[in-house]
Structure formats: C-alpha cells, structure tokens
Amino acid sequence: MVNGNLSLKNRILEALRNATSPLSGDQLAELSGVSRVAVWKAVQSLLESGYGIESSRHGYSLTKDLKDSLYPWEFGLQEEHFSHFRETDSTMIQARNLAQKSDEKGRPSQTDSGEPYIQIVTADRQTKGKAQGGHKWTTTEGSLAFTVVYKSPLPVAKSGLVRVAAQTALVRTLKQFSKRDFFVRWPSAVWSEKGKLAGILDEVSASGGTCAWINIGIGVNLTNSPNIPGTDSVFEKDAPVSRKKILELFLEEFKESISIMDSKELLDQWNSLSMDFGKEIAIEETGEKYIFKGIDSFGAALLETRNSERTFFPGSINIKRNKK
C-alpha cells in the first residue's frame, strides 16, 4: 500500500534502494501511486540533487546513493520540517528568512498538541557561517551545520534556556556516537578534552516581552577541525559518520531537554557537563579571577570570589580559560 504521507522522492528512492533489478517507469508509478510523468519529473529532480539514477531499456537503477544526505525527503514523515542547501551563506540567515515568512503567514507558535513548532535548516557548505560575538564559523568538510527554528511563546528572559537545552542535548548526542567525553562551556560551546568542536549561536525575535521565534544555529566539526589552535573534531578523519543519524538523535534529545526547561533538572544537567564548574576562570576584559559556579535559571554565568558573587549574561563578558 502506498503511504501518501511520504513524498514521491522518498518513495522512489526507497523503491530503488530495495530493488534487486531495474524498475520500469510503470513499476515505479504503480509502487508510488502516481503517473509515469510524475515519476520522470521526480527522477530528474533527484539527479539534479546529486543522486545517480541510470535509465536503460530495463528501467531505472540507483547507481550512486547519497548515503549521508540531509535532503528533506530523507527524513520520511518529518520531511515538511526540513530545508536543505548544498551551499548557502549561512543556515542562520536562511532560518531567519524562514521564520519571518512564517510570521507573515501567521503560522502558529505551537502545534495542535501544544508542543513548540520546530523547523530545521541544514547545509553541506556555508560561505558565511556565523559564530558568537560576530565571529566567523568555519564549516569544515563533512561538518554538521544546521539551524533549529524554535517557535514558542516563551518569555524573552527565558530565551537563553533554549541555548542551554541545545548544549546539553548536543553533548548527550555526541556521547552516544563516540566513547569520548564531551563538555559544555559557557556561554555556547561544546568541547572535548582537546579543544572546541561545536559552537551554538542563538537569535531571538520578540515583541512585548514574548518571543516570536528563537533560532539556534549549530556547527559541529565531525571528522575535520579548522586550522585554528584549540579546536578538535568529534571523530577521526575519514571515520564512517552519519550526519543524518546524529541530527535525528539530537532533535530527540533537544525535545527532551526542552521538556524540562522550566525545572532545575536542566540546570543540573548543564552544570554536571560543564568543563569549568568549580574551577578558576578569568574575565578577558578586566583580568578579574573568579570561580565558575555554573549557570542560573536564565542561563547566566555565576561567578564567585571570597568576597562576592556576580552574575553575567551572555555577551557581557568573555572568559579566558585553558583546556581542561
């Protein structure tokens, strides 16, 4: 039986992947529940996207599969939540455009079930990847680069917790694919014991103290790290890695973190994963030294000396620190 909820490209790819011999246009049309013309158009689109599909008198054969593709149709029933670019300036820029168009169309900030509305923008290559503080993010070959468009009527004061949720979710995700240890670092990075391997950038649109949307841009060095001191990658070069599986698991973990965003549990998780918790750090701008005591219920840093305790929000200071 044809699953009408799956896109035609998904149905054709799955049919070709499972076939032991070429499939004719008529066979694909019957399997997919569409006309031969629709099959031909879908095949041409897949060819343009980089898949290898050979046409002969015997039918169609899949000769080159994009096994690590992040195209929307690769996500099955979740396809409508994904947008993919083989190359773009920045997933953050594309996500902002998507969020703004969503606002113009009056798309609700929650689903019918009351869950936050989420869209994901992915890219194979970014020419103007963005990082915190206006810095550039270098998208290495094989990186996982994406932005989550998160729509929920969240108070602006709590918006930083979405970034906190993303950090903890990313660490949990990477730990399930690698035997290595990974850590969060305030305000928005993920590190290994060797260096920084992922960055998170958030952008908020709000009115009247309530968020319209929060975009969370994430870049992960999977098998290559940029030629920058203090950086690392999750896996060794050329390791067999599935960006799709990592992204799918991250989204599950992210939703789990979001579900406990209003509880102390999320803060405890973040603090337990912090590389700097209980250690001395210094503020770059002043040279002042403090003990890093984790984050508060707004995602702000808690710094302590013998005589004082201070709270700093992301963007107000830069922390100077060494590796673990």
C-alpha atoms as a PDB file:
ATOM      1  CA  MET A   1       0.000   0.000   0.000  1.00  0.00           C
ATOM      2  CA  VAL A   2       1.268   3.458  -0.905  1.00  0.00           C
ATOM      3  CA  ASN A   3       1.868   5.770   2.046  1.00  0.00           C
ATOM      4  CA  GLY A   4       0.511   9.067   0.764  1.00  0.00           C
ATOM      5  CA  ASN A   5       2.148  10.923   3.657  1.00  0.00           C
ATOM      6  CA  LEU A   6       5.600  10.187   2.256  1.00  0.00           C
ATOM      7  CA  SER A   7       6.893  12.359  -0.573  1.00  0.00           C
ATOM      8  CA  LEU A   8       7.285  10.974  -4.079  1.00  0.00           C
ATOM      9  CA  LYS A   9      11.075  11.368  -3.955  1.00  0.00           C
ATOM     10  CA  ASN A  10      11.203   9.367  -0.734  1.00  0.00           C
ATOM     11  CA  ARG A  11       9.030   6.619  -2.202  1.00  0.00           C
ATOM     12  CA  ILE A  12      11.076   6.378  -5.407  1.00  0.00           C
ATOM     13  CA  LEU A  13      14.393   6.302  -3.557  1.00  0.00           C
ATOM     14  CA  GLU A  14      13.219   3.594  -1.182  1.00  0.00           C
ATOM     15  CA  ALA A  15      11.898   1.535  -4.091  1.00  0.00           C
ATOM     16  CA  LEU A  16      15.197   1.808  -5.965  1.00  0.00           C
ATOM     17  CA  ARG A  17      17.234   1.085  -2.822  1.00  0.00           C
ATOM     18  CA  ASN A  18      15.277  -2.099  -2.159  1.00  0.00           C
ATOM     19  CA  ALA A  19      15.186  -3.280  -5.774  1.00  0.00           C
ATOM     20  CA  THR A  20      17.369  -6.200  -6.903  1.00  0.00           C
ATOM     21  CA  SER A  21      16.932  -5.290 -10.577  1.00  0.00           C
ATOM     22  CA  PRO A  22      15.962  -2.175 -12.587  1.00  0.00           C
ATOM     23  CA  LEU A  23      12.439  -0.866 -12.110  1.00  0.00           C
ATOM     24  CA  SER A  24      10.473   0.435 -15.073  1.00  0.00           C
ATOM     25  CA  GLY A  25       8.647   3.739 -15.057  1.00  0.00           C
ATOM     26  CA  ASP A  26       5.369   1.825 -14.923  1.00  0.00           C
ATOM     27  CA  GLN A  27       6.533  -0.190 -11.908  1.00  0.00           C
ATOM     28  CA  LEU A  28       7.682   2.911 -10.045  1.00  0.00           C
ATOM     29  CA  ALA A  29       4.435   4.663 -10.899  1.00  0.00           C
ATOM     30  CA  GLU A  30       2.409   1.744  -9.549  1.00  0.00           C
ATOM     31  CA  LEU A  31       4.550   1.432  -6.405  1.00  0.00           C
ATOM     32  CA  SER A  32       4.337   5.174  -5.802  1.00  0.00           C
ATOM     33  CA  GLY A  33       0.695   5.667  -6.748  1.00  0.00           C
ATOM     34  CA  VAL A  34       1.416   8.375  -9.340  1.00  0.00           C
ATOM     35  CA  SER A  35       1.740   8.781 -13.111  1.00  0.00           C
ATOM     36  CA  ARG A  36       4.844   7.943 -15.156  1.00  0.00           C
ATOM     37  CA  VAL A  37       5.265  11.643 -15.891  1.00  0.00           C
ATOM     38  CA  ALA A  38       5.371  12.389 -12.150  1.00  0.00           C
ATOM     39  CA  VAL A  39       7.972   9.635 -11.714  1.00  0.00           C
ATOM     40  CA  TRP A  40      10.108  11.067 -14.518  1.00  0.00           C
ATOM     41  CA  LYS A  41       9.988  14.563 -13.007  1.00  0.00           C
ATOM     42  CA  ALA A  42      10.922  13.245  -9.560  1.00  0.00           C
ATOM     43  CA  VAL A  43      13.822  11.248 -11.004  1.00  0.00           C
ATOM     44  CA  GLN A  44      15.123  14.353 -12.811  1.00  0.00           C
ATOM     45  CA  SER A  45      14.965  16.309  -9.574  1.00  0.00           C
ATOM     46  CA  LEU A  46      16.879  13.593  -7.734  1.00  0.00           C
ATOM     47  CA  LEU A  47      19.520  13.609 -10.476  1.00  0.00           C
ATOM     48  CA  GLU A  48      19.905  17.372 -10.093  1.00  0.00           C
ATOM     49  CA  SER A  49      20.313  16.869  -6.346  1.00  0.00           C
ATOM     50  CA  GLY A  50      23.300  14.580  -6.909  1.00  0.00           C
ATOM     51  CA  TYR A  51      21.846  11.073  -6.798  1.00  0.00           C
ATOM     52  CA  GLY A  52      22.964   8.685  -9.524  1.00  0.00           C
ATOM     53  CA  ILE A  53      19.977   7.108 -11.283  1.00  0.00           C
ATOM     54  CA  GLU A  54      20.647   5.260 -14.516  1.00  0.00           C
ATOM     55  CA  SER A  55      17.925   4.824 -17.109  1.00  0.00           C
ATOM     56  CA  SER A  56      18.046   1.906 -19.540  1.00  0.00           C
ATOM     57  CA  ARG A  57      15.593  -0.127 -21.567  1.00  0.00           C
ATOM     58  CA  HIS A  58      15.205  -2.314 -18.474  1.00  0.00           C
ATOM     59  CA  GLY A  59      14.228   0.595 -16.253  1.00  0.00           C
ATOM     60  CA  TYR A  60      15.744   2.775 -13.537  1.00  0.00           C
ATOM     61  CA  SER A  61      18.643   1.755 -11.279  1.00  0.00           C
ATOM     62  CA  LEU A  62      20.224   3.589  -8.376  1.00  0.00           C
ATOM     63  CA  THR A  63      23.930   3.752  -9.237  1.00  0.00           C
ATOM     64  CA  LYS A  64      25.017   6.419  -6.763  1.00  0.00           C
ATOM     65  CA  ASP A  65      23.283   6.881  -3.440  1.00  0.00           C
ATOM     66  CA  LEU A  66      23.847   9.898  -1.220  1.00  0.00           C
ATOM     67  CA  LYS A  67      24.012   7.883   1.960  1.00  0.00           C
ATOM     68  CA  ASP A  68      24.701  10.890   4.139  1.00  0.00           C
ATOM     69  CA  SER A  69      22.193  13.199   2.509  1.00  0.00           C
ATOM     70  CA  LEU A  70      20.298  15.771   4.579  1.00  0.00           C
ATOM     71  CA  TYR A  71      17.673  16.479   1.931  1.00  0.00           C
ATOM     72  CA  PRO A  72      14.155  16.764   3.412  1.00  0.00           C
ATOM     73  CA  TRP A  73      12.813  13.627   1.730  1.00  0.00           C
ATOM     74  CA  GLU A  74      15.447  11.547   3.572  1.00  0.00           C
ATOM     75  CA  PHE A  75      13.574  12.258   6.823  1.00  0.00           C
ATOM     76  CA  GLY A  76      10.402  10.438   5.818  1.00  0.00           C
ATOM     77  CA  LEU A  77       7.274  11.644   7.545  1.00  0.00           C
ATOM     78  CA  GLN A  78       9.188  14.568   9.075  1.00  0.00           C
ATOM     79  CA  GLU A  79      10.103  15.985   5.653  1.00  0.00           C
ATOM     80  CA  GLU A  80       7.986  19.131   5.968  1.00  0.00           C
ATOM     81  CA  HIS A  81      10.125  20.262   8.916  1.00  0.00           C
ATOM     82  CA  PHE A  82      13.389  20.285   6.936  1.00  0.00           C
ATOM     83  CA  SER A  83      15.031  22.589   4.387  1.00  0.00           C
ATOM     84  CA  HIS A  84      18.424  21.774   2.878  1.00  0.00           C
ATOM     85  CA  PHE A  85      21.056  23.684   0.905  1.00  0.00           C
ATOM     86  CA  ARG A  86      24.048  22.144  -0.820  1.00  0.00           C
ATOM     87  CA  GLU A  87      25.679  25.556  -0.376  1.00  0.00           C
ATOM     88  CA  THR A  88      24.433  28.724   1.269  1.00  0.00           C
ATOM     89  CA  ASP A  89      25.739  31.805   3.004  1.00  0.00           C
ATOM     90  CA  SER A  90      24.555  30.730   6.450  1.00  0.00           C
ATOM     91  CA  THR A  91      21.840  28.473   7.820  1.00  0.00           C
ATOM     92  CA  MET A  92      21.149  31.253  10.337  1.00  0.00           C
ATOM     93  CA  ILE A  93      20.353  33.694   7.531  1.00  0.00           C
ATOM     94  CA  GLN A  94      18.135  31.163   5.790  1.00  0.00           C
ATOM     95  CA  ALA A  95      16.423  30.275   9.062  1.00  0.00           C
ATOM     96  CA  ARG A  96      15.711  33.941   9.772  1.00  0.00           C
ATOM     97  CA  ASN A  97      14.078  34.273   6.350  1.00  0.00           C
ATOM     98  CA  LEU A  98      12.041  31.139   7.033  1.00  0.00           C
ATOM     99  CA  ALA A  99      10.947  32.361  10.474  1.00  0.00           C
ATOM    100  CA  GLN A 100       9.956  35.776   9.142  1.00  0.00           C
ATOM    101  CA  LYS A 101       7.930  34.265   6.303  1.00  0.00           C
ATOM    102  CA  SER A 102       6.280  32.003   8.837  1.00  0.00           C
ATOM    103  CA  ASP A 103       5.311  35.088  10.860  1.00  0.00           C
ATOM    104  CA  GLU A 104       3.887  36.757   7.748  1.00  0.00           C
ATOM    105  CA  LYS A 105       1.758  33.707   7.011  1.00  0.00           C
ATOM    106  CA  GLY A 106       0.504  33.644  10.575  1.00  0.00           C
ATOM    107  CA  ARG A 107       1.883  30.188  11.335  1.00  0.00           C
ATOM    108  CA  PRO A 108       1.094  29.374  14.988  1.00  0.00           C
ATOM    109  CA  SER A 109       3.901  29.269  17.531  1.00  0.00           C
ATOM    110  CA  GLN A 110       2.748  25.873  18.766  1.00  0.00           C
ATOM    111  CA  THR A 111       1.397  22.684  17.219  1.00  0.00           C
ATOM    112  CA  ASP A 112      -2.143  21.465  17.875  1.00  0.00           C
ATOM    113  CA  SER A 113      -0.734  19.250  20.637  1.00  0.00           C
ATOM    114  CA  GLY A 114       0.748  22.293  22.382  1.00  0.00           C
ATOM    115  CA  GLU A 115       4.356  21.425  21.529  1.00  0.00           C
ATOM    116  CA  PRO A 116       6.740  24.105  20.192  1.00  0.00           C
ATOM    117  CA  TYR A 117       6.817  24.406  16.409  1.00  0.00           C
ATOM    118  CA  ILE A 118      10.226  23.400  15.014  1.00  0.00           C
ATOM    119  CA  GLN A 119      11.831  23.723  11.573  1.00  0.00           C
ATOM    120  CA  ILE A 120      15.387  22.657  10.685  1.00  0.00           C
ATOM    121  CA  VAL A 121      17.611  24.267   8.048  1.00  0.00           C
ATOM    122  CA  THR A 122      20.697  22.263   7.021  1.00  0.00           C
ATOM    123  CA  ALA A 123      23.611  22.918   4.667  1.00  0.00           C
ATOM    124  CA  ASP A 124      26.535  20.950   3.263  1.00  0.00           C
ATOM    125  CA  ARG A 125      28.608  24.092   2.923  1.00  0.00           C
ATOM    126  CA  GLN A 126      28.367  27.612   4.362  1.00  0.00           C
ATOM    127  CA  THR A 127      30.259  30.533   2.864  1.00  0.00           C
ATOM    128  CA  LYS A 128      29.453  32.941   5.706  1.00  0.00           C
ATOM    129  CA  GLY A 129      28.972  30.743   8.749  1.00  0.00           C
ATOM    130  CA  LYS A 130      28.352  32.758  11.906  1.00  0.00           C
ATOM    131  CA  ALA A 131      29.609  32.364  15.476  1.00  0.00           C
ATOM    132  CA  GLN A 132      29.119  34.200  18.765  1.00  0.00           C
ATOM    133  CA  GLY A 133      30.320  37.791  19.031  1.00  0.00           C
ATOM    134  CA  GLY A 134      30.149  38.416  15.298  1.00  0.00           C
ATOM    135  CA  HIS A 135      32.947  35.947  14.616  1.00  0.00           C
ATOM    136  CA  LYS A 136      33.052  33.661  11.589  1.00  0.00           C
ATOM    137  CA  TRP A 137      32.357  29.950  11.925  1.00  0.00           C
ATOM    138  CA  THR A 138      34.487  27.790   9.628  1.00  0.00           C
ATOM    139  CA  THR A 139      32.424  24.935   8.202  1.00  0.00           C
ATOM    140  CA  THR A 140      34.883  22.095   7.673  1.00  0.00           C
ATOM    141  CA  GLU A 141      34.318  19.308   5.164  1.00  0.00           C
ATOM    142  CA  GLY A 142      31.785  16.817   6.456  1.00  0.00           C
ATOM    143  CA  SER A 143      30.591  19.149   9.210  1.00  0.00           C
ATOM    144  CA  LEU A 144      27.085  19.064  10.568  1.00  0.00           C
ATOM    145  CA  ALA A 145      25.766  22.601  10.062  1.00  0.00           C
ATOM    146  CA  PHE A 146      22.151  23.420  10.840  1.00  0.00           C
ATOM    147  CA  THR A 147      19.776  25.864  12.490  1.00  0.00           C
ATOM    148  CA  VAL A 148      16.689  24.999  14.501  1.00  0.00           C
ATOM    149  CA  VAL A 149      13.794  27.433  14.157  1.00  0.00           C
ATOM    150  CA  TYR A 150      12.039  27.200  17.515  1.00  0.00           C
ATOM    151  CA  LYS A 151       8.631  28.843  17.832  1.00  0.00           C
ATOM    152  CA  SER A 152       7.029  29.018  21.257  1.00  0.00           C
ATOM    153  CA  PRO A 153       5.539  31.914  23.272  1.00  0.00           C
ATOM    154  CA  LEU A 154       8.465  31.929  25.689  1.00  0.00           C
ATOM    155  CA  PRO A 155       9.251  34.990  27.850  1.00  0.00           C
ATOM    156  CA  VAL A 156      12.323  36.774  26.482  1.00  0.00           C
ATOM    157  CA  ALA A 157      14.021  36.468  29.879  1.00  0.00           C
ATOM    158  CA  LYS A 158      13.922  32.672  29.485  1.00  0.00           C
ATOM    159  CA  SER A 159      15.116  32.547  25.869  1.00  0.00           C
ATOM    160  CA  GLY A 160      18.686  31.703  26.907  1.00  0.00           C
ATOM    161  CA  LEU A 161      17.467  28.368  28.246  1.00  0.00           C
ATOM    162  CA  VAL A 162      16.786  27.178  24.697  1.00  0.00           C
ATOM    163  CA  ARG A 163      20.517  27.521  24.025  1.00  0.00           C
ATOM    164  CA  VAL A 164      21.215  25.670  27.298  1.00  0.00           C
ATOM    165  CA  ALA A 165      18.865  22.889  26.188  1.00  0.00           C
ATOM    166  CA  ALA A 166      20.671  22.652  22.846  1.00  0.00           C
ATOM    167  CA  GLN A 167      24.093  22.425  24.505  1.00  0.00           C
ATOM    168  CA  THR A 168      23.134  19.612  26.847  1.00  0.00           C
ATOM    169  CA  ALA A 169      21.290  17.776  24.066  1.00  0.00           C
ATOM    170  CA  LEU A 170      24.305  18.001  21.769  1.00  0.00           C
ATOM    171  CA  VAL A 171      26.689  16.624  24.396  1.00  0.00           C
ATOM    172  CA  ARG A 172      24.363  13.708  25.146  1.00  0.00           C
ATOM    173  CA  THR A 173      24.016  13.031  21.426  1.00  0.00           C
ATOM    174  CA  LEU A 174      27.739  13.024  20.688  1.00  0.00           C
ATOM    175  CA  LYS A 175      28.432  10.767  23.663  1.00  0.00           C
ATOM    176  CA  GLN A 176      26.110   8.155  22.175  1.00  0.00           C
ATOM    177  CA  PHE A 177      28.106   8.104  18.925  1.00  0.00           C
ATOM    178  CA  SER A 178      31.577   8.277  20.446  1.00  0.00           C
ATOM    179  CA  LYS A 179      33.262   6.791  23.501  1.00  0.00           C
ATOM    180  CA  ARG A 180      34.920  10.126  24.225  1.00  0.00           C
ATOM    181  CA  ASP A 181      33.894  12.651  26.853  1.00  0.00           C
ATOM    182  CA  PHE A 182      32.384  15.969  25.781  1.00  0.00           C
ATOM    183  CA  PHE A 183      31.651  19.069  27.816  1.00  0.00           C
ATOM    184  CA  VAL A 184      29.664  22.297  27.729  1.00  0.00           C
ATOM    185  CA  ARG A 185      31.402  25.640  28.099  1.00  0.00           C
ATOM    186  CA  TRP A 186      29.626  28.896  28.812  1.00  0.00           C
ATOM    187  CA  PRO A 187      28.010  30.521  27.020  1.00  0.00           C
ATOM    188  CA  SER A 188      27.562  28.363  23.938  1.00  0.00           C
ATOM    189  CA  ALA A 189      30.330  25.916  23.075  1.00  0.00           C
ATOM    190  CA  VAL A 190      30.913  22.181  23.257  1.00  0.00           C
ATOM    191  CA  TRP A 191      34.424  20.911  23.868  1.00  0.00           C
ATOM    192  CA  SER A 192      36.362  17.674  24.086  1.00  0.00           C
ATOM    193  CA  GLU A 193      39.404  17.326  26.305  1.00  0.00           C
ATOM    194  CA  LYS A 194      41.450  18.536  23.314  1.00  0.00           C
ATOM    195  CA  GLY A 195      39.526  21.610  22.198  1.00  0.00           C
ATOM    196  CA  LYS A 196      36.380  23.229  20.869  1.00  0.00           C
ATOM    197  CA  LEU A 197      34.428  21.101  18.405  1.00  0.00           C
ATOM    198  CA  ALA A 198      30.988  22.726  18.283  1.00  0.00           C
ATOM    199  CA  GLY A 199      29.514  26.191  18.553  1.00  0.00           C
ATOM    200  CA  ILE A 200      25.970  27.372  19.139  1.00  0.00           C
ATOM    201  CA  LEU A 201      24.561  30.751  18.115  1.00  0.00           C
ATOM    202  CA  ASP A 202      21.110  31.972  19.098  1.00  0.00           C
ATOM    203  CA  GLU A 203      18.982  34.713  17.553  1.00  0.00           C
ATOM    204  CA  VAL A 204      15.718  35.942  19.077  1.00  0.00           C
ATOM    205  CA  SER A 205      12.777  37.835  17.648  1.00  0.00           C
ATOM    206  CA  ALA A 206      10.382  39.155  20.277  1.00  0.00           C
ATOM    207  CA  SER A 207       7.616  41.642  20.921  1.00  0.00           C
ATOM    208  CA  GLY A 208       6.092  42.767  24.201  1.00  0.00           C
ATOM    209  CA  GLY A 209       8.442  40.583  26.221  1.00  0.00           C
ATOM    210  CA  THR A 210       7.390  37.381  24.420  1.00  0.00           C
ATOM    211  CA  CYS A 211       9.450  35.505  21.852  1.00  0.00           C
ATOM    212  CA  ALA A 212       8.051  35.079  18.357  1.00  0.00           C
ATOM    213  CA  TRP A 213      10.869  32.692  17.496  1.00  0.00           C
ATOM    214  CA  ILE A 214      14.314  31.615  18.668  1.00  0.00           C
ATOM    215  CA  ASN A 215      16.790  30.338  16.101  1.00  0.00           C
ATOM    216  CA  ILE A 216      19.552  28.055  17.341  1.00  0.00           C
ATOM    217  CA  GLY A 217      22.448  27.693  14.882  1.00  0.00           C
ATOM    218  CA  ILE A 218      24.776  24.755  15.465  1.00  0.00           C
ATOM    219  CA  GLY A 219      28.037  23.824  13.802  1.00  0.00           C
ATOM    220  CA  VAL A 220      29.814  20.573  14.680  1.00  0.00           C
ATOM    221  CA  ASN A 221      33.276  19.543  13.468  1.00  0.00           C
ATOM    222  CA  LEU A 222      32.602  15.863  12.866  1.00  0.00           C
ATOM    223  CA  THR A 223      35.688  14.490  11.098  1.00  0.00           C
ATOM    224  CA  ASN A 224      37.737  17.610  10.393  1.00  0.00           C
ATOM    225  CA  SER A 225      38.684  20.607  12.518  1.00  0.00           C
ATOM    226  CA  PRO A 226      39.620  24.026  11.137  1.00  0.00           C
ATOM    227  CA  ASN A 227      43.248  25.129  11.139  1.00  0.00           C
ATOM    228  CA  ILE A 228      42.693  27.078  14.346  1.00  0.00           C
ATOM    229  CA  PRO A 229      44.533  26.401  17.638  1.00  0.00           C
ATOM    230  CA  GLY A 230      42.394  24.863  20.350  1.00  0.00           C
ATOM    231  CA  THR A 231      39.908  23.144  18.030  1.00  0.00           C
ATOM    232  CA  ASP A 232      39.030  19.478  17.674  1.00  0.00           C
ATOM    233  CA  SER A 233      36.648  17.154  15.830  1.00  0.00           C
ATOM    234  CA  VAL A 234      34.319  14.502  17.202  1.00  0.00           C
ATOM    235  CA  PHE A 235      35.729  11.650  15.138  1.00  0.00           C
ATOM    236  CA  GLU A 236      38.972  10.800  13.397  1.00  0.00           C
ATOM    237  CA  LYS A 237      39.347  11.938   9.807  1.00  0.00           C
ATOM    238  CA  ASP A 238      37.503   9.746   7.277  1.00  0.00           C
ATOM    239  CA  ALA A 239      35.589   7.914  10.032  1.00  0.00           C
ATOM    240  CA  PRO A 240      32.248   6.482   8.833  1.00  0.00           C
ATOM    241  CA  VAL A 241      29.783   9.018  10.210  1.00  0.00           C
ATOM    242  CA  SER A 242      26.095   9.617   9.505  1.00  0.00           C
ATOM    243  CA  ARG A 243      25.156  13.267   9.853  1.00  0.00           C
ATOM    244  CA  LYS A 244      21.508  12.279   9.410  1.00  0.00           C
ATOM    245  CA  LYS A 245      21.526   9.880  12.353  1.00  0.00           C
ATOM    246  CA  ILE A 246      23.343  12.394  14.550  1.00  0.00           C
ATOM    247  CA  LEU A 247      20.872  15.126  13.623  1.00  0.00           C
ATOM    248  CA  GLU A 248      17.862  12.867  14.221  1.00  0.00           C
ATOM    249  CA  LEU A 249      19.119  11.860  17.661  1.00  0.00           C
ATOM    250  CA  PHE A 250      19.982  15.459  18.525  1.00  0.00           C
ATOM    251  CA  LEU A 251      16.416  16.550  17.748  1.00  0.00           C
ATOM    252  CA  GLU A 252      15.076  13.844  20.055  1.00  0.00           C
ATOM    253  CA  GLU A 253      17.471  14.890  22.821  1.00  0.00           C
ATOM    254  CA  PHE A 254      16.692  18.571  22.219  1.00  0.00           C
ATOM    255  CA  LYS A 255      12.965  17.995  22.645  1.00  0.00           C
ATOM    256  CA  GLU A 256      13.715  16.071  25.837  1.00  0.00           C
ATOM    257  CA  SER A 257      15.780  18.995  27.165  1.00  0.00           C
ATOM    258  CA  ILE A 258      13.061  21.465  26.180  1.00  0.00           C
ATOM    259  CA  SER A 259      10.509  19.429  28.130  1.00  0.00           C
ATOM    260  CA  ILE A 260      12.433  20.038  31.390  1.00  0.00           C
ATOM    261  CA  MET A 261      13.375  23.648  30.624  1.00  0.00           C
ATOM    262  CA  ASP A 262      11.288  25.012  33.489  1.00  0.00           C
ATOM    263  CA  SER A 263      12.808  22.692  36.077  1.00  0.00           C
ATOM    264  CA  LYS A 264      16.073  22.628  37.988  1.00  0.00           C
ATOM    265  CA  GLU A 265      16.894  19.358  36.251  1.00  0.00           C
ATOM    266  CA  LEU A 266      18.108  21.077  33.072  1.00  0.00           C
ATOM    267  CA  LEU A 267      20.426  23.381  35.028  1.00  0.00           C
ATOM    268  CA  ASP A 268      21.785  20.427  36.999  1.00  0.00           C
ATOM    269  CA  GLN A 269      22.458  18.577  33.754  1.00  0.00           C
ATOM    270  CA  TRP A 270      24.289  21.549  32.260  1.00  0.00           C
ATOM    271  CA  ASN A 271      26.376  22.117  35.387  1.00  0.00           C
ATOM    272  CA  SER A 272      27.297  18.428  35.590  1.00  0.00           C
ATOM    273  CA  LEU A 273      28.564  18.584  31.992  1.00  0.00           C
ATOM    274  CA  SER A 274      30.496  21.830  32.466  1.00  0.00           C
ATOM    275  CA  MET A 275      34.254  21.670  31.904  1.00  0.00           C
ATOM    276  CA  ASP A 276      34.754  24.733  34.096  1.00  0.00           C
ATOM    277  CA  PHE A 277      32.452  24.077  37.043  1.00  0.00           C
ATOM    278  CA  GLY A 278      34.257  24.770  40.322  1.00  0.00           C
ATOM    279  CA  LYS A 279      37.400  25.970  38.552  1.00  0.00           C
ATOM    280  CA  GLU A 280      39.109  29.327  38.371  1.00  0.00           C
ATOM    281  CA  ILE A 281      38.478  31.436  35.295  1.00  0.00           C
ATOM    282  CA  ALA A 282      39.438  34.991  34.338  1.00  0.00           C
ATOM    283  CA  ILE A 283      37.468  37.711  32.582  1.00  0.00           C
ATOM    284  CA  GLU A 284      39.322  38.780  29.446  1.00  0.00           C
ATOM    285  CA  GLU A 285      38.221  42.409  29.616  1.00  0.00           C
ATOM    286  CA  THR A 286      39.369  43.055  33.222  1.00  0.00           C
ATOM    287  CA  GLY A 287      41.647  40.183  34.192  1.00  0.00           C
ATOM    288  CA  GLU A 288      39.499  39.564  37.281  1.00  0.00           C
ATOM    289  CA  LYS A 289      39.567  35.986  38.521  1.00  0.00           C
ATOM    290  CA  TYR A 290      36.572  34.040  39.744  1.00  0.00           C
ATOM    291  CA  ILE A 291      35.426  30.509  40.489  1.00  0.00           C
ATOM    292  CA  PHE A 292      32.907  29.382  37.882  1.00  0.00           C
ATOM    293  CA  LYS A 293      29.804  28.164  39.728  1.00  0.00           C
ATOM    294  CA  GLY A 294      27.674  27.169  36.746  1.00  0.00           C
ATOM    295  CA  ILE A 295      24.565  28.861  35.384  1.00  0.00           C
ATOM    296  CA  ASP A 296      21.342  30.214  36.853  1.00  0.00           C
ATOM    297  CA  SER A 297      17.733  29.744  35.771  1.00  0.00           C
ATOM    298  CA  PHE A 298      18.202  32.251  32.913  1.00  0.00           C
ATOM    299  CA  GLY A 299      21.394  30.702  31.516  1.00  0.00           C
ATOM    300  CA  ALA A 300      23.603  33.435  33.003  1.00  0.00           C
ATOM    301  CA  ALA A 301      27.047  32.625  34.426  1.00  0.00           C
ATOM    302  CA  LEU A 302      27.516  32.549  38.205  1.00  0.00           C
ATOM    303  CA  LEU A 303      30.993  33.696  39.224  1.00  0.00           C
ATOM    304  CA  GLU A 304      32.279  33.729  42.788  1.00  0.00           C
ATOM    305  CA  THR A 305      35.212  35.061  44.801  1.00  0.00           C
ATOM    306  CA  ARG A 306      35.791  35.011  48.554  1.00  0.00           C
ATOM    307  CA  ASN A 307      34.113  38.382  48.869  1.00  0.00           C
ATOM    308  CA  SER A 308      31.460  38.474  46.183  1.00  0.00           C
ATOM    309  CA  GLU A 309      29.164  36.651  43.802  1.00  0.00           C
ATOM    310  CA  ARG A 310      28.380  38.075  40.392  1.00  0.00           C
ATOM    311  CA  THR A 311      26.036  37.155  37.549  1.00  0.00           C
ATOM    312  CA  PHE A 312      26.889  37.763  33.893  1.00  0.00           C
ATOM    313  CA  PHE A 313      24.645  37.292  30.881  1.00  0.00           C
ATOM    314  CA  PRO A 314      25.999  36.012  27.540  1.00  0.00           C
ATOM    315  CA  GLY A 315      27.620  38.806  25.560  1.00  0.00           C
ATOM    316  CA  SER A 316      28.520  40.887  28.622  1.00  0.00           C
ATOM    317  CA  ILE A 317      31.941  39.306  29.174  1.00  0.00           C
ATOM    318  CA  ASN A 318      34.408  36.923  27.577  1.00  0.00           C
ATOM    319  CA  ILE A 319      36.009  34.223  29.678  1.00  0.00           C
ATOM    320  CA  LYS A 320      39.705  33.491  29.322  1.00  0.00           C
ATOM    321  CA  ARG A 321      40.456  29.865  30.012  1.00  0.00           C
ATOM    322  CA  ASN A 322      42.692  26.980  29.110  1.00  0.00           C
ATOM    323  CA  LYS A 323      41.796  23.461  28.145  1.00  0.00           C
ATOM    324  CA  LYS A 324      40.692  21.031  30.814  1.00  0.00           C
END
